[in-house]
Amino acid sequence: MSVEAMVQKMIDELNEALADAVKHDKGNSAAGTRVRKAMQAAKAAAQDIRVQVQNDKNN
């Protein structure tokens, strides 16, 4: 997968989490759990992107 595609996928997933963030701000604690899960996934995706870019740089 290209770095561009990886970044776009991450953006799409964060945009999906935005709806749950709005619900969380209104007091929905279950939505907060989904936001935390999405943030953990974003953290992992960001690390994968960093590794890919580093590998591309070194090759």
N, C-alpha and C. Protein backbone atom coordinates (compact mmCIF):
# COMPACT_ATOMS: atom_id res chain seq x y z
N MET A 1 0.86 -1.18 0.00
CA MET A 1 0.00 0.00 0.00
C MET A 1 0.90 1.24 0.00
N SER A 2 0.51 2.22 -0.78
CA SER A 2 1.31 3.44 -0.85
C SER A 2 1.11 4.28 0.43
N VAL A 3 2.07 5.14 0.68
CA VAL A 3 1.98 6.02 1.85
C VAL A 3 0.76 6.93 1.70
N GLU A 4 0.51 7.40 0.49
CA GLU A 4 -0.65 8.25 0.26
C GLU A 4 -1.94 7.52 0.64
N ALA A 5 -2.06 6.28 0.23
CA ALA A 5 -3.25 5.49 0.54
C ALA A 5 -3.37 5.25 2.04
N MET A 6 -2.23 5.02 2.69
CA MET A 6 -2.25 4.80 4.14
C MET A 6 -2.73 6.05 4.88
N VAL A 7 -2.23 7.21 4.45
CA VAL A 7 -2.64 8.47 5.08
C VAL A 7 -4.12 8.73 4.82
N GLN A 8 -4.57 8.49 3.59
CA GLN A 8 -5.98 8.72 3.27
C GLN A 8 -6.89 7.81 4.09
N LYS A 9 -6.49 6.56 4.27
CA LYS A 9 -7.28 5.63 5.08
C LYS A 9 -7.36 6.12 6.52
N MET A 10 -6.24 6.62 7.03
CA MET A 10 -6.22 7.15 8.40
C MET A 10 -7.16 8.36 8.52
N ILE A 11 -7.12 9.24 7.53
CA ILE A 11 -8.00 10.42 7.53
C ILE A 11 -9.46 9.98 7.50
N ASP A 12 -9.78 9.02 6.65
CA ASP A 12 -11.17 8.53 6.56
C ASP A 12 -11.64 7.96 7.89
N GLU A 13 -10.78 7.19 8.54
CA GLU A 13 -11.16 6.59 9.83
C GLU A 13 -11.34 7.66 10.91
N LEU A 14 -10.51 8.70 10.88
CA LEU A 14 -10.67 9.79 11.85
C LEU A 14 -11.94 10.58 11.58
N ASN A 15 -12.28 10.77 10.32
CA ASN A 15 -13.53 11.46 9.99
C ASN A 15 -14.73 10.67 10.49
N GLU A 16 -14.66 9.35 10.41
CA GLU A 16 -15.74 8.52 10.93
C GLU A 16 -15.84 8.65 12.45
N ALA A 17 -14.71 8.80 13.11
CA ALA A 17 -14.70 8.93 14.57
C ALA A 17 -15.25 10.27 15.02
N LEU A 18 -15.28 11.24 14.12
CA LEU A 18 -15.75 12.57 14.47
C LEU A 18 -17.20 12.55 14.95
N ALA A 19 -18.04 11.73 14.36
CA ALA A 19 -19.44 11.63 14.79
C ALA A 19 -19.53 11.14 16.22
N ASP A 20 -18.70 10.17 16.58
CA ASP A 20 -18.69 9.67 17.95
C ASP A 20 -18.13 10.72 18.90
N ALA A 21 -17.19 11.53 18.43
CA ALA A 21 -16.64 12.59 19.28
C ALA A 21 -17.73 13.61 19.64
N VAL A 22 -18.58 13.92 18.67
CA VAL A 22 -19.69 14.84 18.92
C VAL A 22 -20.64 14.24 19.95
N LYS A 23 -20.95 12.95 19.80
CA LYS A 23 -21.83 12.28 20.75
C LYS A 23 -21.21 12.26 22.14
N HIS A 24 -19.90 12.03 22.20
CA HIS A 24 -19.21 12.02 23.49
C HIS A 24 -19.31 13.38 24.17
N ASP A 25 -19.14 14.44 23.39
CA ASP A 25 -19.23 15.79 23.94
C ASP A 25 -20.63 16.08 24.50
N LYS A 26 -21.61 15.37 24.01
CA LYS A 26 -22.99 15.54 24.50
C LYS A 26 -23.29 14.61 25.67
N GLY A 27 -22.28 13.84 26.11
CA GLY A 27 -22.46 13.02 27.30
C GLY A 27 -22.60 11.53 27.09
N ASN A 28 -22.47 11.07 25.88
CA ASN A 28 -22.60 9.64 25.59
C ASN A 28 -21.27 8.94 25.87
N SER A 29 -21.21 8.22 26.97
CA SER A 29 -19.95 7.59 27.37
C SER A 29 -19.56 6.43 26.45
N ALA A 30 -20.52 5.74 25.87
CA ALA A 30 -20.20 4.66 24.94
C ALA A 30 -19.50 5.21 23.70
N ALA A 31 -19.90 6.39 23.28
CA ALA A 31 -19.25 7.02 22.14
C ALA A 31 -17.81 7.37 22.49
N GLY A 32 -17.57 7.73 23.73
CA GLY A 32 -16.21 8.02 24.18
C GLY A 32 -15.32 6.79 24.07
N THR A 33 -15.87 5.64 24.37
CA THR A 33 -15.12 4.39 24.23
C THR A 33 -14.74 4.16 22.77
N ARG A 34 -15.67 4.42 21.87
CA ARG A 34 -15.39 4.26 20.44
C ARG A 34 -14.35 5.26 19.97
N VAL A 35 -14.39 6.47 20.51
CA VAL A 35 -13.39 7.48 20.15
C VAL A 35 -12.01 7.03 20.62
N ARG A 36 -11.92 6.53 21.84
CA ARG A 36 -10.63 6.05 22.35
C ARG A 36 -10.09 4.92 21.48
N LYS A 37 -10.97 4.01 21.07
CA LYS A 37 -10.57 2.90 20.20
C LYS A 37 -10.06 3.43 18.86
N ALA A 38 -10.76 4.42 18.30
CA ALA A 38 -10.34 5.01 17.03
C ALA A 38 -9.00 5.71 17.17
N MET A 39 -8.77 6.36 18.31
CA MET A 39 -7.50 7.05 18.52
C MET A 39 -6.35 6.06 18.65
N GLN A 40 -6.60 4.93 19.27
CA GLN A 40 -5.58 3.89 19.37
C GLN A 40 -5.25 3.34 17.99
N ALA A 41 -6.28 3.14 17.17
CA ALA A 41 -6.07 2.66 15.81
C ALA A 41 -5.30 3.70 14.99
N ALA A 42 -5.59 4.99 15.21
CA ALA A 42 -4.88 6.06 14.49
C ALA A 42 -3.42 6.09 14.91
N LYS A 43 -3.17 5.87 16.18
CA LYS A 43 -1.79 5.83 16.67
C LYS A 43 -1.02 4.70 15.97
N ALA A 44 -1.63 3.54 15.87
CA ALA A 44 -0.99 2.39 15.22
C ALA A 44 -0.79 2.67 13.73
N ALA A 45 -1.78 3.29 13.10
CA ALA A 45 -1.67 3.60 11.67
C ALA A 45 -0.56 4.62 11.44
N ALA A 46 -0.45 5.61 12.32
CA ALA A 46 0.61 6.61 12.19
C ALA A 46 1.98 5.95 12.31
N GLN A 47 2.10 5.03 13.22
CA GLN A 47 3.38 4.32 13.37
C GLN A 47 3.70 3.50 12.12
N ASP A 48 2.71 2.85 11.56
CA ASP A 48 2.91 2.07 10.33
C ASP A 48 3.37 2.99 9.19
N ILE A 49 2.79 4.17 9.11
CA ILE A 49 3.17 5.13 8.08
C ILE A 49 4.61 5.58 8.29
N ARG A 50 4.97 5.87 9.54
CA ARG A 50 6.33 6.29 9.85
C ARG A 50 7.34 5.21 9.45
N VAL A 51 7.02 3.97 9.75
CA VAL A 51 7.91 2.86 9.40
C VAL A 51 8.05 2.74 7.89
N GLN A 52 6.94 2.85 7.18
CA GLN A 52 6.97 2.76 5.72
C GLN A 52 7.83 3.87 5.12
N VAL A 53 7.64 5.09 5.60
CA VAL A 53 8.43 6.21 5.08
C VAL A 53 9.92 6.00 5.39
N GLN A 54 10.22 5.55 6.58
CA GLN A 54 11.62 5.30 6.95
C GLN A 54 12.22 4.21 6.05
N ASN A 55 11.47 3.15 5.81
CA ASN A 55 11.95 2.07 4.94
C ASN A 55 12.18 2.58 3.52
N ASP A 56 11.27 3.41 3.03
CA ASP A 56 11.42 3.97 1.69
C ASP A 56 12.67 4.84 1.63
N LYS A 57 12.92 5.60 2.68
CA LYS A 57 14.09 6.48 2.72
C LYS A 57 15.38 5.69 2.71
N ASN A 58 15.39 4.58 3.41
CA ASN A 58 16.60 3.78 3.53
C ASN A 58 16.88 2.88 2.33
N ASN A 59 15.91 2.73 1.46
CA ASN A 59 16.09 1.86 0.28
C ASN A 59 16.35 2.65 -0.97
